[in-house]
C-alpha atoms as a PDB file:
ATOM      1  CA  MET A   1      16.355  -2.368  -8.660  1.00  0.00           C
ATOM      2  CA  ALA A   2      17.157  -5.712  -7.159  1.00  0.00           C
ATOM      3  CA  ILE A   3      17.651  -4.293  -3.765  1.00  0.00           C
ATOM      4  CA  LEU A   4      14.132  -2.603  -3.506  1.00  0.00           C
ATOM      5  CA  GLU A   5      12.588  -5.881  -4.900  1.00  0.00           C
ATOM      6  CA  ALA A   6      14.324  -8.058  -2.353  1.00  0.00           C
ATOM      7  CA  ALA A   7      13.567  -5.459   0.423  1.00  0.00           C
ATOM      8  CA  SER A   8       9.949  -5.380  -0.550  1.00  0.00           C
ATOM      9  CA  GLU A   9       9.624  -9.169  -0.254  1.00  0.00           C
ATOM     10  CA  VAL A  10      11.423  -9.301   3.074  1.00  0.00           C
ATOM     11  CA  LEU A  11       9.864  -6.268   4.759  1.00  0.00           C
ATOM     12  CA  THR A  12       6.300  -7.338   3.445  1.00  0.00           C
ATOM     13  CA  ARG A  13       6.376 -10.426   5.791  1.00  0.00           C
ATOM     14  CA  SER A  14       8.383  -8.966   8.672  1.00  0.00           C
ATOM     15  CA  GLU A  15       7.821  -6.147  10.901  1.00  0.00           C
ATOM     16  CA  GLY A  16      11.539  -5.829  11.953  1.00  0.00           C
ATOM     17  CA  PHE A  17      14.695  -4.418  10.407  1.00  0.00           C
ATOM     18  CA  ALA A  18      16.970  -7.377  11.670  1.00  0.00           C
ATOM     19  CA  LEU A  19      16.769  -8.815   8.210  1.00  0.00           C
ATOM     20  CA  MET A  20      19.349  -6.640   6.448  1.00  0.00           C
ATOM     21  CA  PRO A  21      21.653  -9.499   5.749  1.00  0.00           C
ATOM     22  CA  GLU A  22      18.640 -11.385   4.193  1.00  0.00           C
ATOM     23  CA  ILE A  23      17.828  -8.528   1.881  1.00  0.00           C
ATOM     24  CA  ALA A  24      21.433  -8.148   0.704  1.00  0.00           C
ATOM     25  CA  ARG A  25      21.457 -12.004   0.133  1.00  0.00           C
ATOM     26  CA  ARG A  26      18.136 -11.974  -1.802  1.00  0.00           C
ATOM     27  CA  ALA A  27      19.291  -8.972  -3.884  1.00  0.00           C
ATOM     28  CA  GLY A  28      22.648 -10.675  -4.764  1.00  0.00           C
ATOM     29  CA  VAL A  29      24.730  -7.868  -3.173  1.00  0.00           C
ATOM     30  CA  GLY A  30      27.000  -7.593  -0.166  1.00  0.00           C
ATOM     31  CA  GLN A  31      25.759  -5.663   2.928  1.00  0.00           C
ATOM     32  CA  ALA A  32      28.191  -2.866   2.124  1.00  0.00           C
ATOM     33  CA  THR A  33      26.566  -2.466  -1.209  1.00  0.00           C
ATOM     34  CA  LEU A  34      23.149  -2.251   0.443  1.00  0.00           C
ATOM     35  CA  TYR A  35      24.290   0.371   2.713  1.00  0.00           C
ATOM     36  CA  ARG A  36      25.944   2.372  -0.035  1.00  0.00           C
ATOM     37  CA  HIS A  37      22.677   2.606  -1.783  1.00  0.00           C
ATOM     38  CA  PHE A  38      20.650   3.154   1.480  1.00  0.00           C
ATOM     39  CA  ALA A  39      22.517   4.937   4.205  1.00  0.00           C
ATOM     40  CA  ASP A  40      20.292   3.422   7.010  1.00  0.00           C
ATOM     41  CA  ARG A  41      17.388   1.248   7.503  1.00  0.00           C
ATOM     42  CA  HIS A  42      14.957   4.152   7.274  1.00  0.00           C
ATOM     43  CA  ALA A  43      16.377   5.220   3.924  1.00  0.00           C
ATOM     44  CA  LEU A  44      15.816   1.635   2.682  1.00  0.00           C
ATOM     45  CA  LEU A  45      12.297   1.638   4.000  1.00  0.00           C
ATOM     46  CA  ALA A  46      11.485   5.033   2.240  1.00  0.00           C
ATOM     47  CA  GLY A  47      13.038   3.549  -0.930  1.00  0.00           C
ATOM     48  CA  VAL A  48      10.820   0.448  -0.691  1.00  0.00           C
ATOM     49  CA  ILE A  49       7.690   2.468  -0.045  1.00  0.00           C
ATOM     50  CA  GLY A  50       8.658   4.772  -2.948  1.00  0.00           C
ATOM     51  CA  HIS A  51       9.045   1.697  -5.206  1.00  0.00           C
ATOM     52  CA  GLN A  52       5.537   0.401  -4.212  1.00  0.00           C
ATOM     53  CA  LEU A  53       4.070   3.846  -4.868  1.00  0.00           C
ATOM     54  CA  GLU A  54       5.674   3.979  -8.257  1.00  0.00           C
ATOM     55  CA  ARG A  55       4.041   0.678  -8.983  1.00  0.00           C
ATOM     56  CA  LEU A  56       0.656   2.064  -7.803  1.00  0.00           C
ATOM     57  CA  GLU A  57       1.030   5.158  -9.832  1.00  0.00           C
ATOM     58  CA  THR A  58       1.866   3.239 -13.071  1.00  0.00           C
ATOM     59  CA  HIS A  59      -1.073   0.828 -12.447  1.00  0.00           C
ATOM     60  CA  ALA A  60      -3.600   3.532 -11.507  1.00  0.00           C
ATOM     61  CA  ALA A  61      -2.888   5.427 -14.854  1.00  0.00           C
ATOM     62  CA  HIS A  62      -4.791   2.457 -16.754  1.00  0.00           C
ATOM     63  CA  THR A  63      -6.970   0.773 -14.269  1.00  0.00           C
ATOM     64  CA  ASP A  64     -10.745   1.570 -13.571  1.00  0.00           C
ATOM     65  CA  PHE A  65     -11.418   2.821 -10.048  1.00  0.00           C
ATOM     66  CA  ARG A  66     -13.280  -0.067  -8.652  1.00  0.00           C
ATOM     67  CA  ARG A  67     -10.601  -2.613  -9.664  1.00  0.00           C
ATOM     68  CA  LEU A  68      -7.787  -0.157  -8.405  1.00  0.00           C
ATOM     69  CA  LEU A  69      -9.549   0.300  -5.110  1.00  0.00           C
ATOM     70  CA  ARG A  70     -10.161  -3.314  -4.608  1.00  0.00           C
ATOM     71  CA  GLU A  71      -6.566  -4.284  -5.490  1.00  0.00           C
ATOM     72  CA  THR A  72      -5.138  -1.503  -3.288  1.00  0.00           C
ATOM     73  CA  LEU A  73      -7.174  -2.426  -0.376  1.00  0.00           C
ATOM     74  CA  HIS A  74      -6.204  -6.053  -0.667  1.00  0.00           C
ATOM     75  CA  SER A  75      -2.614  -5.088  -0.998  1.00  0.00           C
ATOM     76  CA  LEU A  76      -2.816  -3.352   2.479  1.00  0.00           C
ATOM     77  CA  ILE A  77      -3.363  -6.882   3.706  1.00  0.00           C
ATOM     78  CA  THR A  78      -0.525  -8.397   1.805  1.00  0.00           C
ATOM     79  CA  LEU A  79       1.793  -5.537   2.645  1.00  0.00           C
ATOM     80  CA  ARG A  80       0.823  -5.126   6.330  1.00  0.00           C
ATOM     81  CA  GLY A  81       4.259  -5.615   7.585  1.00  0.00           C
ATOM     82  CA  LEU A  82       5.471  -2.856   5.361  1.00  0.00           C
ATOM     83  CA  VAL A  83       2.613  -0.542   6.286  1.00  0.00           C
ATOM     84  CA  SER A  84       3.341  -1.157  10.005  1.00  0.00           C
ATOM     85  CA  LEU A  85       7.005  -0.216   9.410  1.00  0.00           C
ATOM     86  CA  ALA A  86       6.058   2.891   7.419  1.00  0.00           C
ATOM     87  CA  ARG A  87       4.418   4.250  10.615  1.00  0.00           C
ATOM     88  CA  ARG A  88       8.036   4.540  12.054  1.00  0.00           C
ATOM     89  CA  LEU A  89       9.004   7.214   9.445  1.00  0.00           C
ATOM     90  CA  ASP A  90       8.728  10.828  10.314  1.00  0.00           C
ATOM     91  CA  PRO A  91       5.310  12.387  10.024  1.00  0.00           C
ATOM     92  CA  ALA A  92       6.291  14.668   7.116  1.00  0.00           C
ATOM     93  CA  MET A  93       7.422  11.639   5.009  1.00  0.00           C
ATOM     94  CA  GLN A  94       4.371   9.682   5.866  1.00  0.00           C
ATOM     95  CA  GLU A  95       2.151  12.520   4.728  1.00  0.00           C
ATOM     96  CA  ARG A  96       4.094  12.845   1.386  1.00  0.00           C
ATOM     97  CA  PHE A  97       3.649   9.288   0.693  1.00  0.00           C
ATOM     98  CA  LEU A  98       0.015   9.364   1.634  1.00  0.00           C
ATOM     99  CA  GLN A  99      -0.472  12.297  -0.752  1.00  0.00           C
ATOM    100  CA  ARG A 100       0.970  10.237  -3.512  1.00  0.00           C
ATOM    101  CA  VAL A 101      -1.518   7.455  -2.853  1.00  0.00           C
ATOM    102  CA  VAL A 102      -4.429   9.971  -2.997  1.00  0.00           C
ATOM    103  CA  ALA A 103      -3.070  11.636  -6.156  1.00  0.00           C
ATOM    104  CA  ALA A 104      -2.803   8.236  -7.793  1.00  0.00           C
ATOM    105  CA  PHE A 105      -6.489   7.663  -7.246  1.00  0.00           C
ATOM    106  CA  ALA A 106      -7.594  11.197  -8.390  1.00  0.00           C
ATOM    107  CA  VAL A 107      -8.171  10.513 -12.215  1.00  0.00           C
ATOM    108  CA  PRO A 108      -9.660   7.075 -11.804  1.00  0.00           C
ATOM    109  CA  LEU A 109     -12.023   8.505  -9.099  1.00  0.00           C
ATOM    110  CA  ARG A 110     -13.036  11.434 -11.301  1.00  0.00           C
ATOM    111  CA  ARG A 111     -13.832   9.071 -14.185  1.00  0.00           C
ATOM    112  CA  ALA A 112     -15.946   6.893 -11.835  1.00  0.00           C
ATOM    113  CA  ARG A 113     -17.805   9.908 -10.490  1.00  0.00           C
ATOM    114  CA  GLU A 114     -18.473  11.276 -13.945  1.00  0.00           C
ATOM    115  CA  SER A 115     -19.798   8.217 -15.163  1.00  0.00           C
ATOM    116  CA  GLY A 116     -22.102   7.867 -12.136  1.00  0.00           C
ATOM    117  CA  HIS A 117     -20.521   4.701 -10.726  1.00  0.00           C
ATOM    118  CA  VAL A 118     -19.600   6.167  -7.376  1.00  0.00           C
ATOM    119  CA  ARG A 119     -21.132   8.811  -5.092  1.00  0.00           C
ATOM    120  CA  ALA A 120     -20.808  12.370  -6.378  1.00  0.00           C
ATOM    121  CA  ASP A 121     -19.422  13.611  -3.038  1.00  0.00           C
ATOM    122  CA  LEU A 122     -16.596  10.909  -2.799  1.00  0.00           C
ATOM    123  CA  VAL A 123     -13.251  12.647  -3.030  1.00  0.00           C
ATOM    124  CA  PRO A 124      -9.747  11.176  -3.031  1.00  0.00           C
ATOM    125  CA  GLU A 125      -9.133  12.189   0.565  1.00  0.00           C
ATOM    126  CA  ASP A 126     -12.108   9.958   1.565  1.00  0.00           C
ATOM    127  CA  LEU A 127     -10.109   7.003   0.461  1.00  0.00           C
ATOM    128  CA  VAL A 128      -7.713   7.397   3.488  1.00  0.00           C
ATOM    129  CA  LEU A 129     -10.605   6.453   5.732  1.00  0.00           C
ATOM    130  CA  LEU A 130     -11.190   3.302   3.614  1.00  0.00           C
ATOM    131  CA  PHE A 131      -7.388   2.420   3.879  1.00  0.00           C
ATOM    132  CA  ALA A 132      -7.414   2.964   7.648  1.00  0.00           C
ATOM    133  CA  MET A 133     -10.440   0.812   8.102  1.00  0.00           C
ATOM    134  CA  VAL A 134      -9.053  -2.152   6.184  1.00  0.00           C
ATOM    135  CA  GLN A 135      -5.554  -1.773   7.769  1.00  0.00           C
ATOM    136  CA  ALA A 136      -7.188  -1.968  11.273  1.00  0.00           C
ATOM    137  CA  VAL A 137      -8.712  -5.234  10.307  1.00  0.00           C
ATOM    138  CA  ALA A 138      -5.426  -6.498   9.073  1.00  0.00           C
ATOM    139  CA  GLU A 139      -3.558  -5.444  12.231  1.00  0.00           C
ATOM    140  CA  THR A 140      -6.004  -6.739  14.758  1.00  0.00           C
ATOM    141  CA  THR A 141      -6.279 -10.285  13.412  1.00  0.00           C
ATOM    142  CA  ARG A 142      -3.208 -12.343  14.192  1.00  0.00           C
ATOM    143  CA  ASP A 143      -3.953 -15.392  12.076  1.00  0.00           C
ATOM    144  CA  VAL A 144      -3.051 -14.534   8.442  1.00  0.00           C
ATOM    145  CA  THR A 145      -5.874 -16.571   7.012  1.00  0.00           C
ATOM    146  CA  ALA A 146      -8.348 -15.059   9.161  1.00  0.00           C
ATOM    147  CA  ALA A 147      -6.986 -11.586   8.626  1.00  0.00           C
ATOM    148  CA  ARG A 148      -7.359 -12.077   4.933  1.00  0.00           C
ATOM    149  CA  ALA A 149     -10.916 -13.340   5.278  1.00  0.00           C
ATOM    150  CA  ALA A 150     -11.835 -10.323   7.520  1.00  0.00           C
ATOM    151  CA  ALA A 151     -10.110  -8.037   5.241  1.00  0.00           C
ATOM    152  CA  ASP A 152     -11.840  -9.464   2.189  1.00  0.00           C
ATOM    153  CA  ARG A 153     -15.223  -8.967   3.944  1.00  0.00           C
ATOM    154  CA  SER A 154     -14.467  -5.463   5.003  1.00  0.00           C
ATOM    155  CA  VAL A 155     -13.333  -4.693   1.403  1.00  0.00           C
ATOM    156  CA  ASP A 156     -16.592  -5.975   0.022  1.00  0.00           C
ATOM    157  CA  LEU A 157     -18.576  -3.921   2.601  1.00  0.00           C
ATOM    158  CA  VAL A 158     -16.508  -0.811   1.724  1.00  0.00           C
ATOM    159  CA  LEU A 159     -16.937  -1.258  -1.904  1.00  0.00           C
ATOM    160  CA  GLU A 160     -20.752  -1.792  -1.611  1.00  0.00           C
ATOM    161  CA  GLY A 161     -20.838   1.432   0.369  1.00  0.00           C
ATOM    162  CA  VAL A 162     -18.994   3.365  -2.209  1.00  0.00           C
ATOM    163  CA  PHE A 163     -20.358   2.016  -5.398  1.00  0.00           C
ATOM    164  CA  ARG A 164     -23.955   2.468  -6.728  1.00  0.00           C
ATOM    165  CA  PRO A 165     -25.763  -0.600  -7.629  1.00  0.00           C
ATOM    166  CA  ALA A 166     -25.754  -1.478 -11.325  1.00  0.00           C
ATOM    167  CA  ALA A 167     -28.987  -0.236 -12.982  1.00  0.00           C
END
């Protein structure tokens, strides 16, 4: 949907909701149409997050765990404005979204465990800790270039802590 794509772009680079006219313009619709599809700003945010999760779920179905984890951790940096906004949603909705993320990783993680590529005790819920660590790096570094460099380093450290060395 054009509205969700436009909103994803705008909300990814902004931590505010004052950009509704810009979202409508980018989507090629009027503000009234935007509000007909999404009753309020929180509904739009929930729609955008749901849209991003659908992308993750589709991608996870055919991607190996290491690549999926790296790409997802990097996306936390790219989408940090959206992640920050997501914290404004009610806790129950946040938990539902988080469970979808964890579920998307379940099969790729199981395959990685079964093939001996990751620790046997690594469970999908452990990934929430990894996401929080990388997100903290993104949020505490103001300069985007420095944030990306710090996040890349933390991603590498996390991945080396999760994956066994190649034999």
